[in-house]
Amino acid sequence: MTCEHVDRGALNRDELARRVVRDIPDGAYVNLGIGMPTVVADHLDPAKRIVLHTENGMLGMGPRAHGDDIDPDLVNAGKIPVLERPGASYFDHAQSFAMMRGGHLDVAVLGAFQVDARGTLANWHTGERDAIPAVGGAMDLAVGARHVFVMMTLFDREGRPKLVPTCTFPVTGLSCVSRVYTDEAIFDLTSGEVVVVETFGSTVAELRARLEVTLHAPG
């Protein structure tokens, strides 16, 4: 059943990160993409024993480091200083990508420029001539992780939807995304259908008026 939270506004970045954390299984091995998904590391419940992998070569990554805790040699894939959890280990790029491609990660939380109704992901280039491409390990994560979650705003700075009928930006992975977490709603992508799980500050009817994809809302 779709839950409409109309007594509040859209989620801020920390609230969205905490909502993503709720759906990560206890004991899961998880990669966080650069940008918005890195905030998830700051909201993990230690009791859930989630192990964070970062593609630049670390297993057991902790939250963002601040002040005197910053070690310039200890960063995540987005070059943000981070802490390490007890038992953390380090490895080279070859081993890191082998983990990603070999199906050893339970969840990848990635950012996106676009996601389409079939779960196709576009997150490395907008196709604009002066844009800097940044594919990193996203393609490996998109096909290698057991579950791919996307964490993004529902609309871009110009108000254009980022959940679209068909991706128009260069594609990262086909039909790989199972759930999309946005500031205004959460969507399950199942068999080519977009199912609204929750809304924040908007009703399903209001979102239908702003999006071009067909939204299904279980009653």
N, C-alpha and C. Protein backbone atom coordinates (compact mmCIF):
# COMPACT_ATOMS: atom_id res chain seq x y z
N MET A 1 0.84 -1.19 0.00
CA MET A 1 0.00 0.00 0.00
C MET A 1 0.89 1.25 0.00
N THR A 2 0.60 2.18 -0.89
CA THR A 2 1.38 3.42 -0.96
C THR A 2 1.07 4.32 0.23
N CYS A 3 2.13 4.83 0.87
CA CYS A 3 1.98 5.72 2.02
C CYS A 3 2.30 7.15 1.58
N GLU A 4 1.34 8.05 1.70
CA GLU A 4 1.53 9.45 1.32
C GLU A 4 1.78 10.29 2.58
N HIS A 5 3.00 10.81 2.72
CA HIS A 5 3.33 11.67 3.86
C HIS A 5 3.11 13.12 3.43
N VAL A 6 1.88 13.58 3.52
CA VAL A 6 1.55 14.93 3.05
C VAL A 6 1.59 15.95 4.19
N ASP A 7 1.90 15.48 5.40
CA ASP A 7 1.99 16.39 6.54
C ASP A 7 3.39 16.96 6.70
N ARG A 8 4.22 16.81 5.72
CA ARG A 8 5.60 17.28 5.78
C ARG A 8 6.05 17.65 4.37
N GLY A 9 7.27 18.21 4.27
CA GLY A 9 7.80 18.53 2.97
C GLY A 9 8.65 17.39 2.42
N ALA A 10 9.39 17.70 1.37
CA ALA A 10 10.27 16.70 0.79
C ALA A 10 11.40 16.37 1.77
N LEU A 11 12.01 15.20 1.61
CA LEU A 11 13.10 14.78 2.47
C LEU A 11 14.36 15.59 2.17
N ASN A 12 15.10 15.95 3.22
CA ASN A 12 16.42 16.51 2.97
C ASN A 12 17.41 15.36 2.79
N ARG A 13 18.67 15.69 2.50
CA ARG A 13 19.65 14.66 2.15
C ARG A 13 19.86 13.66 3.29
N ASP A 14 19.94 14.13 4.54
CA ASP A 14 20.16 13.22 5.66
C ASP A 14 18.94 12.34 5.91
N GLU A 15 17.75 12.92 5.79
CA GLU A 15 16.54 12.11 5.97
C GLU A 15 16.45 11.03 4.89
N LEU A 16 16.82 11.39 3.67
CA LEU A 16 16.78 10.41 2.59
C LEU A 16 17.80 9.29 2.84
N ALA A 17 18.99 9.67 3.32
CA ALA A 17 20.00 8.65 3.62
C ALA A 17 19.50 7.69 4.69
N ARG A 18 18.86 8.23 5.73
CA ARG A 18 18.34 7.35 6.79
C ARG A 18 17.26 6.43 6.25
N ARG A 19 16.48 6.91 5.28
CA ARG A 19 15.44 6.04 4.70
C ARG A 19 16.07 4.91 3.89
N VAL A 20 17.16 5.21 3.18
CA VAL A 20 17.86 4.16 2.44
C VAL A 20 18.40 3.11 3.40
N VAL A 21 18.99 3.57 4.50
CA VAL A 21 19.58 2.66 5.48
C VAL A 21 18.55 1.65 5.99
N ARG A 22 17.31 2.07 6.17
CA ARG A 22 16.27 1.16 6.66
C ARG A 22 16.13 -0.08 5.80
N ASP A 23 16.43 0.04 4.49
CA ASP A 23 16.21 -1.08 3.57
C ASP A 23 17.46 -1.91 3.30
N ILE A 24 18.58 -1.54 3.90
CA ILE A 24 19.80 -2.33 3.71
C ILE A 24 19.80 -3.47 4.73
N PRO A 25 19.90 -4.71 4.26
CA PRO A 25 19.80 -5.85 5.18
C PRO A 25 20.95 -5.93 6.17
N ASP A 26 20.66 -6.49 7.31
CA ASP A 26 21.68 -6.75 8.33
C ASP A 26 22.79 -7.60 7.73
N GLY A 27 24.04 -7.17 7.95
CA GLY A 27 25.19 -7.95 7.48
C GLY A 27 25.53 -7.79 6.02
N ALA A 28 24.88 -6.87 5.31
CA ALA A 28 25.11 -6.71 3.87
C ALA A 28 26.46 -6.06 3.59
N TYR A 29 27.03 -6.42 2.44
CA TYR A 29 28.22 -5.76 1.90
C TYR A 29 27.74 -4.76 0.87
N VAL A 30 28.12 -3.49 1.06
CA VAL A 30 27.48 -2.40 0.34
C VAL A 30 28.52 -1.45 -0.24
N ASN A 31 28.33 -1.04 -1.48
CA ASN A 31 29.14 0.03 -2.08
C ASN A 31 28.28 1.28 -2.20
N LEU A 32 28.86 2.42 -1.82
CA LEU A 32 28.17 3.70 -1.94
C LEU A 32 28.80 4.50 -3.06
N GLY A 33 28.02 4.91 -4.04
CA GLY A 33 28.53 5.73 -5.12
C GLY A 33 28.90 7.11 -4.62
N ILE A 34 29.62 7.85 -5.46
CA ILE A 34 30.03 9.20 -5.08
C ILE A 34 28.82 10.13 -5.12
N GLY A 35 28.97 11.29 -4.45
CA GLY A 35 27.86 12.24 -4.40
C GLY A 35 26.91 11.91 -3.27
N MET A 36 25.62 12.07 -3.50
CA MET A 36 24.60 11.90 -2.48
C MET A 36 24.70 10.56 -1.72
N PRO A 37 24.95 9.42 -2.38
CA PRO A 37 24.99 8.16 -1.63
C PRO A 37 26.04 8.10 -0.53
N THR A 38 27.10 8.91 -0.59
CA THR A 38 28.12 8.85 0.46
C THR A 38 27.55 9.23 1.82
N VAL A 39 26.45 9.98 1.83
CA VAL A 39 25.84 10.39 3.11
C VAL A 39 25.31 9.18 3.88
N VAL A 40 24.99 8.11 3.17
CA VAL A 40 24.48 6.90 3.82
C VAL A 40 25.45 6.41 4.88
N ALA A 41 26.75 6.55 4.63
CA ALA A 41 27.77 6.07 5.57
C ALA A 41 27.65 6.74 6.94
N ASP A 42 27.10 7.93 6.98
CA ASP A 42 26.99 8.68 8.23
C ASP A 42 25.79 8.27 9.08
N HIS A 43 24.94 7.41 8.54
CA HIS A 43 23.68 7.09 9.23
C HIS A 43 23.48 5.59 9.46
N LEU A 44 24.53 4.80 9.27
CA LEU A 44 24.38 3.36 9.47
C LEU A 44 24.25 3.02 10.95
N ASP A 45 23.42 2.03 11.24
CA ASP A 45 23.26 1.54 12.60
C ASP A 45 24.31 0.45 12.84
N PRO A 46 25.27 0.67 13.77
CA PRO A 46 26.31 -0.34 14.00
C PRO A 46 25.75 -1.71 14.31
N ALA A 47 24.56 -1.75 14.88
CA ALA A 47 23.97 -3.04 15.24
C ALA A 47 23.63 -3.87 14.00
N LYS A 48 23.52 -3.25 12.83
CA LYS A 48 23.18 -4.00 11.61
C LYS A 48 24.40 -4.64 10.94
N ARG A 49 25.60 -4.32 11.41
CA ARG A 49 26.84 -4.97 10.93
C ARG A 49 26.99 -4.87 9.41
N ILE A 50 26.64 -3.73 8.86
CA ILE A 50 26.81 -3.51 7.42
C ILE A 50 28.26 -3.17 7.13
N VAL A 51 28.84 -3.80 6.10
CA VAL A 51 30.24 -3.59 5.73
C VAL A 51 30.28 -2.78 4.44
N LEU A 52 30.96 -1.64 4.50
CA LEU A 52 31.04 -0.76 3.33
C LEU A 52 32.31 -1.03 2.53
N HIS A 53 32.12 -1.18 1.23
CA HIS A 53 33.22 -1.36 0.27
C HIS A 53 33.34 -0.07 -0.54
N THR A 54 34.57 0.38 -0.75
CA THR A 54 34.77 1.52 -1.64
C THR A 54 35.73 1.11 -2.74
N GLU A 55 35.42 1.51 -3.97
CA GLU A 55 36.11 0.95 -5.13
C GLU A 55 37.58 1.36 -5.21
N ASN A 56 37.98 2.40 -4.48
CA ASN A 56 39.40 2.75 -4.48
C ASN A 56 40.21 1.87 -3.54
N GLY A 57 39.57 0.85 -2.92
CA GLY A 57 40.36 -0.17 -2.27
C GLY A 57 40.23 -0.32 -0.78
N MET A 58 39.01 -0.31 -0.25
CA MET A 58 38.85 -0.45 1.19
C MET A 58 37.58 -1.22 1.50
N LEU A 59 37.68 -2.12 2.45
CA LEU A 59 36.53 -2.86 2.96
C LEU A 59 36.46 -2.59 4.46
N GLY A 60 35.30 -2.08 4.91
CA GLY A 60 35.18 -1.69 6.30
C GLY A 60 35.27 -0.19 6.48
N MET A 61 34.81 0.53 5.46
CA MET A 61 34.84 1.99 5.53
C MET A 61 33.84 2.49 6.57
N GLY A 62 34.22 3.58 7.25
CA GLY A 62 33.34 4.20 8.23
C GLY A 62 32.72 5.47 7.68
N PRO A 63 32.17 6.29 8.57
CA PRO A 63 31.55 7.55 8.14
C PRO A 63 32.59 8.59 7.77
N ARG A 64 32.12 9.74 7.35
CA ARG A 64 32.99 10.86 6.98
C ARG A 64 33.81 11.29 8.19
N ALA A 65 35.10 11.60 7.95
CA ALA A 65 35.98 12.06 9.02
C ALA A 65 35.94 13.59 9.12
N HIS A 66 36.10 14.08 10.34
CA HIS A 66 36.09 15.53 10.57
C HIS A 66 37.27 15.91 11.46
N GLY A 67 37.72 17.15 11.31
CA GLY A 67 38.72 17.72 12.21
C GLY A 67 39.99 16.90 12.30
N ASP A 68 40.41 16.64 13.56
CA ASP A 68 41.66 15.93 13.79
C ASP A 68 41.61 14.47 13.36
N ASP A 69 40.43 13.95 13.08
CA ASP A 69 40.31 12.55 12.64
C ASP A 69 40.63 12.38 11.16
N ILE A 70 40.82 13.47 10.43
CA ILE A 70 41.06 13.38 8.99
C ILE A 70 42.48 12.86 8.73
N ASP A 71 42.56 11.79 7.93
CA ASP A 71 43.81 11.25 7.42
C ASP A 71 43.77 11.44 5.90
N PRO A 72 44.65 12.28 5.32
CA PRO A 72 44.55 12.55 3.89
C PRO A 72 44.73 11.32 3.01
N ASP A 73 45.28 10.25 3.57
CA ASP A 73 45.45 9.02 2.79
C ASP A 73 44.25 8.09 2.90
N LEU A 74 43.27 8.47 3.72
CA LEU A 74 42.13 7.60 3.96
C LEU A 74 40.87 8.30 3.42
N VAL A 75 40.52 7.99 2.17
CA VAL A 75 39.39 8.65 1.51
C VAL A 75 38.51 7.61 0.82
N ASN A 76 37.28 8.02 0.53
CA ASN A 76 36.40 7.14 -0.24
C ASN A 76 36.59 7.41 -1.75
N ALA A 77 35.77 6.78 -2.58
CA ALA A 77 35.93 6.92 -4.03
C ALA A 77 35.68 8.35 -4.51
N GLY A 78 34.98 9.13 -3.70
CA GLY A 78 34.75 10.53 -4.04
C GLY A 78 35.80 11.46 -3.44
N LYS A 79 36.87 10.89 -2.91
CA LYS A 79 37.99 11.63 -2.30
C LYS A 79 37.58 12.39 -1.04
N ILE A 80 36.53 11.93 -0.39
CA ILE A 80 36.10 12.51 0.89
C ILE A 80 36.80 11.77 2.01
N PRO A 81 37.42 12.48 2.98
CA PRO A 81 38.06 11.79 4.10
C PRO A 81 37.05 10.95 4.89
N VAL A 82 37.44 9.73 5.22
CA VAL A 82 36.55 8.83 5.95
C VAL A 82 37.31 8.17 7.09
N LEU A 83 36.55 7.56 7.98
CA LEU A 83 37.11 6.75 9.05
C LEU A 83 37.13 5.29 8.62
N GLU A 84 37.77 4.46 9.41
CA GLU A 84 37.76 3.02 9.15
C GLU A 84 37.13 2.30 10.33
N ARG A 85 36.44 1.21 10.05
CA ARG A 85 35.85 0.39 11.09
C ARG A 85 36.89 -0.64 11.57
N PRO A 86 36.74 -1.16 12.80
CA PRO A 86 37.64 -2.23 13.26
C PRO A 86 37.62 -3.40 12.27
N GLY A 87 38.84 -3.86 11.92
CA GLY A 87 38.93 -4.97 10.98
C GLY A 87 38.98 -4.55 9.53
N ALA A 88 39.02 -3.25 9.27
CA ALA A 88 39.06 -2.76 7.88
C ALA A 88 40.29 -3.30 7.16
N SER A 89 40.15 -3.50 5.83
CA SER A 89 41.27 -4.00 5.03
C SER A 89 41.40 -3.16 3.77
N TYR A 90 42.57 -3.28 3.15
CA TYR A 90 42.89 -2.48 1.96
C TYR A 90 43.38 -3.39 0.85
N PHE A 91 43.16 -2.96 -0.40
CA PHE A 91 43.54 -3.80 -1.54
C PHE A 91 43.67 -2.92 -2.77
N ASP A 92 44.21 -3.52 -3.85
CA ASP A 92 44.41 -2.73 -5.07
C ASP A 92 43.14 -2.71 -5.93
N HIS A 93 43.22 -1.92 -7.01
CA HIS A 93 42.05 -1.74 -7.86
C HIS A 93 41.59 -3.05 -8.49
N ALA A 94 42.55 -3.91 -8.86
CA ALA A 94 42.17 -5.17 -9.51
C ALA A 94 41.29 -6.01 -8.58
N GLN A 95 41.69 -6.11 -7.30
CA GLN A 95 40.89 -6.88 -6.35
C GLN A 95 39.56 -6.20 -6.07
N SER A 96 39.59 -4.87 -5.99
CA SER A 96 38.36 -4.14 -5.73
C SER A 96 37.32 -4.37 -6.83
N PHE A 97 37.78 -4.27 -8.09
CA PHE A 97 36.85 -4.47 -9.19
C PHE A 97 36.44 -5.93 -9.34
N ALA A 98 37.30 -6.86 -8.92
CA ALA A 98 36.91 -8.26 -8.93
C ALA A 98 35.76 -8.50 -7.95
N MET A 99 35.78 -7.82 -6.81
CA MET A 99 34.66 -7.92 -5.86
C MET A 99 33.38 -7.39 -6.49
N MET A 100 33.50 -6.26 -7.19
CA MET A 100 32.32 -5.63 -7.79
C MET A 100 31.75 -6.48 -8.92
N ARG A 101 32.63 -6.94 -9.82
CA ARG A 101 32.15 -7.70 -10.98
C ARG A 101 31.77 -9.13 -10.63
N GLY A 102 32.36 -9.64 -9.55
CA GLY A 102 32.16 -11.04 -9.23
C GLY A 102 30.92 -11.36 -8.42
N GLY A 103 30.07 -10.40 -8.21
CA GLY A 103 28.83 -10.65 -7.48
C GLY A 103 29.00 -10.75 -5.98
N HIS A 104 30.03 -10.12 -5.43
CA HIS A 104 30.30 -10.23 -4.00
C HIS A 104 29.68 -9.11 -3.18
N LEU A 105 29.03 -8.15 -3.84
CA LEU A 105 28.38 -7.06 -3.11
C LEU A 105 26.87 -7.28 -3.12
N ASP A 106 26.27 -7.07 -1.95
CA ASP A 106 24.82 -7.27 -1.84
C ASP A 106 24.05 -6.09 -2.39
N VAL A 107 24.54 -4.89 -2.14
CA VAL A 107 23.81 -3.68 -2.52
C VAL A 107 24.80 -2.63 -3.03
N ALA A 108 24.44 -1.95 -4.10
CA ALA A 108 25.15 -0.74 -4.52
C ALA A 108 24.14 0.40 -4.48
N VAL A 109 24.50 1.48 -3.80
CA VAL A 109 23.66 2.68 -3.76
C VAL A 109 24.33 3.72 -4.65
N LEU A 110 23.72 4.05 -5.76
CA LEU A 110 24.34 4.92 -6.76
C LEU A 110 23.52 6.17 -6.99
N GLY A 111 24.18 7.24 -7.38
CA GLY A 111 23.48 8.42 -7.84
C GLY A 111 23.11 8.25 -9.31
N ALA A 112 22.32 9.19 -9.84
CA ALA A 112 21.89 9.05 -11.24
C ALA A 112 21.53 10.40 -11.83
N PHE A 113 21.79 10.52 -13.14
CA PHE A 113 21.23 11.63 -13.92
C PHE A 113 19.81 11.28 -14.35
N GLN A 114 19.61 10.03 -14.71
CA GLN A 114 18.29 9.54 -15.12
C GLN A 114 18.17 8.05 -14.76
N VAL A 115 16.94 7.65 -14.47
CA VAL A 115 16.56 6.23 -14.38
C VAL A 115 15.26 6.09 -15.15
N ASP A 116 15.16 5.04 -15.97
CA ASP A 116 13.90 4.90 -16.70
C ASP A 116 13.02 3.82 -16.08
N ALA A 117 11.82 3.69 -16.64
CA ALA A 117 10.79 2.84 -16.05
C ALA A 117 11.19 1.36 -16.03
N ARG A 118 12.15 0.97 -16.85
CA ARG A 118 12.61 -0.42 -16.88
C ARG A 118 13.84 -0.63 -16.00
N GLY A 119 14.21 0.40 -15.24
CA GLY A 119 15.35 0.26 -14.35
C GLY A 119 16.68 0.51 -15.01
N THR A 120 16.68 1.08 -16.21
CA THR A 120 17.94 1.42 -16.87
C THR A 120 18.52 2.67 -16.23
N LEU A 121 19.82 2.63 -16.03
CA LEU A 121 20.52 3.68 -15.28
C LEU A 121 21.42 4.50 -16.19
N ALA A 122 21.38 5.83 -16.03
CA ALA A 122 22.32 6.73 -16.71
C ALA A 122 22.92 7.62 -15.64
N ASN A 123 24.22 7.44 -15.37
CA ASN A 123 24.80 8.23 -14.27
C ASN A 123 26.25 8.65 -14.51
N TRP A 124 26.74 8.55 -15.77
CA TRP A 124 28.16 8.89 -15.93
C TRP A 124 28.39 10.05 -16.89
N HIS A 125 27.42 10.46 -17.66
CA HIS A 125 27.63 11.55 -18.62
C HIS A 125 26.26 12.07 -19.06
N THR A 126 26.19 13.39 -19.18
CA THR A 126 24.93 13.98 -19.64
C THR A 126 24.87 14.10 -21.16
N GLY A 127 25.99 13.80 -21.82
CA GLY A 127 26.03 13.93 -23.27
C GLY A 127 26.34 15.33 -23.76
N GLU A 128 26.40 16.28 -22.84
CA GLU A 128 26.72 17.65 -23.23
C GLU A 128 28.20 17.77 -23.56
N ARG A 129 28.53 18.61 -24.54
CA ARG A 129 29.88 18.69 -25.07
C ARG A 129 30.92 19.05 -24.02
N ASP A 130 30.58 19.97 -23.10
CA ASP A 130 31.56 20.42 -22.11
C ASP A 130 31.48 19.66 -20.79
N ALA A 131 30.63 18.62 -20.72
CA ALA A 131 30.51 17.85 -19.48
C ALA A 131 31.69 16.91 -19.32
N ILE A 132 32.10 16.70 -18.07
CA ILE A 132 33.22 15.81 -17.78
C ILE A 132 32.68 14.42 -17.50
N PRO A 133 33.03 13.41 -18.31
CA PRO A 133 32.52 12.05 -18.04
C PRO A 133 33.17 11.47 -16.80
N ALA A 134 32.42 10.68 -16.03
CA ALA A 134 32.94 10.13 -14.78
C ALA A 134 32.31 8.76 -14.54
N VAL A 135 32.67 7.81 -15.39
CA VAL A 135 32.03 6.50 -15.27
C VAL A 135 32.54 5.74 -14.06
N GLY A 136 33.85 5.87 -13.69
CA GLY A 136 34.38 5.14 -12.54
C GLY A 136 34.03 3.67 -12.62
N GLY A 137 33.56 3.13 -11.49
CA GLY A 137 33.18 1.72 -11.47
C GLY A 137 31.69 1.51 -11.56
N ALA A 138 30.95 2.52 -11.98
CA ALA A 138 29.49 2.43 -11.96
C ALA A 138 28.96 1.29 -12.82
N MET A 139 29.58 1.08 -14.00
CA MET A 139 29.09 -0.01 -14.86
C MET A 139 29.32 -1.36 -14.21
N ASP A 140 30.44 -1.52 -13.53
CA ASP A 140 30.73 -2.78 -12.84
C ASP A 140 29.76 -3.00 -11.69
N LEU A 141 29.46 -1.94 -10.96
CA LEU A 141 28.51 -2.05 -9.86
C LEU A 141 27.11 -2.33 -10.36
N ALA A 142 26.75 -1.70 -11.47
CA ALA A 142 25.38 -1.85 -11.99
C ALA A 142 25.08 -3.29 -12.37
N VAL A 143 26.08 -4.00 -12.87
CA VAL A 143 25.84 -5.39 -13.29
C VAL A 143 26.31 -6.39 -12.24
N GLY A 144 27.17 -5.95 -11.30
CA GLY A 144 27.75 -6.90 -10.37
C GLY A 144 27.06 -7.00 -9.03
N ALA A 145 26.44 -5.92 -8.57
CA ALA A 145 25.78 -5.95 -7.26
C ALA A 145 24.44 -6.70 -7.37
N ARG A 146 24.07 -7.39 -6.30
CA ARG A 146 22.82 -8.15 -6.33
C ARG A 146 21.60 -7.22 -6.39
N HIS A 147 21.70 -6.08 -5.74
CA HIS A 147 20.62 -5.09 -5.76
C HIS A 147 21.22 -3.71 -6.00
N VAL A 148 20.63 -2.96 -6.91
CA VAL A 148 21.09 -1.60 -7.18
C VAL A 148 19.98 -0.63 -6.76
N PHE A 149 20.30 0.20 -5.77
CA PHE A 149 19.41 1.27 -5.35
C PHE A 149 19.95 2.57 -5.95
N VAL A 150 19.05 3.44 -6.35
CA VAL A 150 19.46 4.77 -6.80
C VAL A 150 18.95 5.79 -5.79
N MET A 151 19.82 6.74 -5.47
CA MET A 151 19.49 7.82 -4.53
C MET A 151 19.74 9.13 -5.26
N MET A 152 18.68 9.91 -5.45
CA MET A 152 18.81 11.15 -6.23
C MET A 152 17.64 12.07 -5.91
N THR A 153 17.72 13.32 -6.40
CA THR A 153 16.54 14.17 -6.37
C THR A 153 15.61 13.73 -7.49
N LEU A 154 14.31 13.98 -7.31
CA LEU A 154 13.37 13.53 -8.35
C LEU A 154 13.41 14.46 -9.57
N PHE A 155 13.80 15.70 -9.36
CA PHE A 155 13.85 16.68 -10.45
C PHE A 155 15.23 17.34 -10.47
N ASP A 156 15.68 17.73 -11.68
CA ASP A 156 16.97 18.41 -11.76
C ASP A 156 16.80 19.90 -11.47
N ARG A 157 17.87 20.68 -11.60
CA ARG A 157 17.82 22.09 -11.22
C ARG A 157 16.86 22.89 -12.09
N GLU A 158 16.58 22.40 -13.29
CA GLU A 158 15.64 23.08 -14.17
C GLU A 158 14.22 22.55 -13.99
N GLY A 159 14.03 21.64 -13.04
CA GLY A 159 12.70 21.10 -12.78
C GLY A 159 12.31 19.95 -13.68
N ARG A 160 13.27 19.41 -14.43
CA ARG A 160 12.97 18.28 -15.31
C ARG A 160 13.05 16.97 -14.53
N PRO A 161 12.09 16.06 -14.76
CA PRO A 161 12.12 14.78 -14.03
C PRO A 161 13.36 13.97 -14.37
N LYS A 162 13.89 13.29 -13.36
CA LYS A 162 15.02 12.39 -13.57
C LYS A 162 14.56 10.93 -13.64
N LEU A 163 13.31 10.67 -13.27
CA LEU A 163 12.68 9.37 -13.50
C LEU A 163 11.87 9.51 -14.78
N VAL A 164 12.31 8.82 -15.83
CA VAL A 164 11.81 9.10 -17.18
C VAL A 164 11.32 7.83 -17.87
N PRO A 165 10.52 7.97 -18.93
CA PRO A 165 10.08 6.77 -19.68
C PRO A 165 11.24 6.03 -20.32
N THR A 166 12.19 6.78 -20.90
CA THR A 166 13.38 6.18 -21.52
C THR A 166 14.56 7.13 -21.31
N CYS A 167 15.70 6.58 -20.91
CA CYS A 167 16.88 7.42 -20.70
C CYS A 167 17.33 8.06 -22.00
N THR A 168 17.62 9.34 -21.95
CA THR A 168 18.16 10.04 -23.11
C THR A 168 19.66 10.32 -22.95
N PHE A 169 20.18 10.14 -21.74
CA PHE A 169 21.61 10.29 -21.50
C PHE A 169 22.31 8.95 -21.77
N PRO A 170 23.65 8.98 -21.99
CA PRO A 170 24.39 7.73 -22.17
C PRO A 170 24.14 6.76 -21.01
N VAL A 171 23.90 5.50 -21.35
CA VAL A 171 23.46 4.51 -20.38
C VAL A 171 24.65 3.87 -19.65
N THR A 172 24.45 3.62 -18.35
CA THR A 172 25.43 2.92 -17.53
C THR A 172 25.14 1.43 -17.48
N GLY A 173 23.86 1.07 -17.27
CA GLY A 173 23.47 -0.33 -17.17
C GLY A 173 22.01 -0.49 -17.52
N LEU A 174 21.67 -1.62 -18.15
CA LEU A 174 20.30 -1.88 -18.58
C LEU A 174 19.54 -2.63 -17.50
N SER A 175 18.34 -2.18 -17.20
CA SER A 175 17.41 -2.89 -16.30
C SER A 175 18.10 -3.40 -15.03
N CYS A 176 18.86 -2.55 -14.41
CA CYS A 176 19.64 -2.97 -13.24
C CYS A 176 19.11 -2.38 -11.94
N VAL A 177 18.33 -1.33 -11.98
CA VAL A 177 17.88 -0.64 -10.77
C VAL A 177 16.57 -1.25 -10.29
N SER A 178 16.53 -1.58 -9.00
CA SER A 178 15.31 -2.17 -8.45
C SER A 178 14.49 -1.17 -7.63
N ARG A 179 15.15 -0.20 -7.04
CA ARG A 179 14.42 0.78 -6.22
C ARG A 179 15.07 2.15 -6.36
N VAL A 180 14.25 3.20 -6.44
CA VAL A 180 14.73 4.57 -6.57
C VAL A 180 14.26 5.38 -5.37
N TYR A 181 15.24 5.97 -4.65
CA TYR A 181 14.94 6.81 -3.48
C TYR A 181 15.15 8.26 -3.88
N THR A 182 14.12 9.06 -3.77
CA THR A 182 14.23 10.48 -4.08
C THR A 182 13.69 11.30 -2.92
N ASP A 183 13.93 12.61 -3.01
CA ASP A 183 13.46 13.50 -1.96
C ASP A 183 11.93 13.57 -1.89
N GLU A 184 11.26 13.27 -3.00
CA GLU A 184 9.80 13.42 -3.02
C GLU A 184 9.03 12.11 -3.00
N ALA A 185 9.71 11.00 -3.31
CA ALA A 185 9.01 9.71 -3.30
C ALA A 185 10.01 8.58 -3.47
N ILE A 186 9.56 7.39 -3.11
CA ILE A 186 10.34 6.17 -3.32
C ILE A 186 9.56 5.30 -4.30
N PHE A 187 10.29 4.71 -5.25
CA PHE A 187 9.65 3.94 -6.31
C PHE A 187 10.29 2.56 -6.41
N ASP A 188 9.46 1.53 -6.58
CA ASP A 188 9.95 0.21 -6.96
C ASP A 188 9.80 0.06 -8.46
N LEU A 189 10.82 -0.48 -9.11
CA LEU A 189 10.77 -0.72 -10.55
C LEU A 189 10.65 -2.22 -10.75
N THR A 190 9.45 -2.66 -11.13
CA THR A 190 9.16 -4.09 -11.19
C THR A 190 8.51 -4.42 -12.52
N SER A 191 9.17 -5.28 -13.31
CA SER A 191 8.61 -5.76 -14.58
C SER A 191 8.15 -4.60 -15.46
N GLY A 192 8.93 -3.56 -15.54
CA GLY A 192 8.60 -2.43 -16.40
C GLY A 192 7.58 -1.48 -15.82
N GLU A 193 7.13 -1.72 -14.61
CA GLU A 193 6.16 -0.84 -13.96
C GLU A 193 6.85 -0.02 -12.87
N VAL A 194 6.38 1.22 -12.70
CA VAL A 194 6.89 2.09 -11.64
C VAL A 194 5.84 2.14 -10.53
N VAL A 195 6.18 1.57 -9.39
CA VAL A 195 5.25 1.46 -8.27
C VAL A 195 5.68 2.44 -7.17
N VAL A 196 4.78 3.30 -6.76
CA VAL A 196 5.08 4.29 -5.72
C VAL A 196 4.97 3.62 -4.35
N VAL A 197 6.05 3.66 -3.59
CA VAL A 197 6.08 3.06 -2.25
C VAL A 197 5.66 4.08 -1.21
N GLU A 198 6.28 5.27 -1.25
CA GLU A 198 5.99 6.35 -0.31
C GLU A 198 6.14 7.68 -1.02
N THR A 199 5.42 8.68 -0.56
CA THR A 199 5.63 10.04 -1.04
C THR A 199 5.92 10.95 0.16
N PHE A 200 6.59 12.07 -0.11
CA PHE A 200 6.98 13.02 0.96
C PHE A 200 6.65 14.44 0.51
N GLY A 201 5.59 14.99 1.06
CA GLY A 201 5.19 16.35 0.72
C GLY A 201 4.34 16.46 -0.52
N SER A 202 4.10 15.37 -1.20
CA SER A 202 3.25 15.38 -2.40
C SER A 202 2.34 14.15 -2.36
N THR A 203 1.26 14.23 -3.08
CA THR A 203 0.40 13.06 -3.25
C THR A 203 0.79 12.34 -4.54
N VAL A 204 0.32 11.12 -4.68
CA VAL A 204 0.57 10.38 -5.92
C VAL A 204 -0.03 11.13 -7.11
N ALA A 205 -1.19 11.70 -6.91
CA ALA A 205 -1.85 12.45 -8.00
C ALA A 205 -0.99 13.63 -8.44
N GLU A 206 -0.39 14.31 -7.48
CA GLU A 206 0.47 15.46 -7.82
C GLU A 206 1.71 15.01 -8.57
N LEU A 207 2.27 13.88 -8.18
CA LEU A 207 3.44 13.36 -8.90
C LEU A 207 3.08 12.91 -10.31
N ARG A 208 1.90 12.31 -10.45
CA ARG A 208 1.46 11.89 -11.79
C ARG A 208 1.37 13.09 -12.74
N ALA A 209 1.02 14.23 -12.19
CA ALA A 209 0.89 15.42 -13.03
C ALA A 209 2.26 15.99 -13.45
N ARG A 210 3.31 15.60 -12.73
CA ARG A 210 4.63 16.17 -13.01
C ARG A 210 5.57 15.20 -13.74
N LEU A 211 5.23 13.89 -13.72
CA LEU A 211 6.09 12.89 -14.33
C LEU A 211 5.46 12.33 -15.60
N GLU A 212 6.31 11.90 -16.51
CA GLU A 212 5.82 11.32 -17.77
C GLU A 212 5.68 9.80 -17.68
N VAL A 213 6.23 9.19 -16.65
CA VAL A 213 6.07 7.75 -16.48
C VAL A 213 4.72 7.46 -15.84
N THR A 214 4.19 6.29 -16.12
CA THR A 214 2.93 5.85 -15.50
C THR A 214 3.22 5.34 -14.10
N LEU A 215 2.57 5.93 -13.11
CA LEU A 215 2.80 5.56 -11.72
C LEU A 215 1.69 4.63 -11.23
N HIS A 216 2.08 3.53 -10.65
CA HIS A 216 1.13 2.60 -10.03
C HIS A 216 1.20 2.79 -8.51
N ALA A 217 0.05 2.79 -7.88
CA ALA A 217 -0.02 3.01 -6.44
C ALA A 217 -0.98 2.00 -5.83
N PRO A 218 -0.44 0.93 -5.23
CA PRO A 218 -1.30 -0.08 -4.60
C PRO A 218 -2.19 0.54 -3.52
N GLY A 219 -3.46 0.20 -3.52
CA GLY A 219 -4.39 0.77 -2.56
C GLY A 219 -4.53 -0.08 -1.31
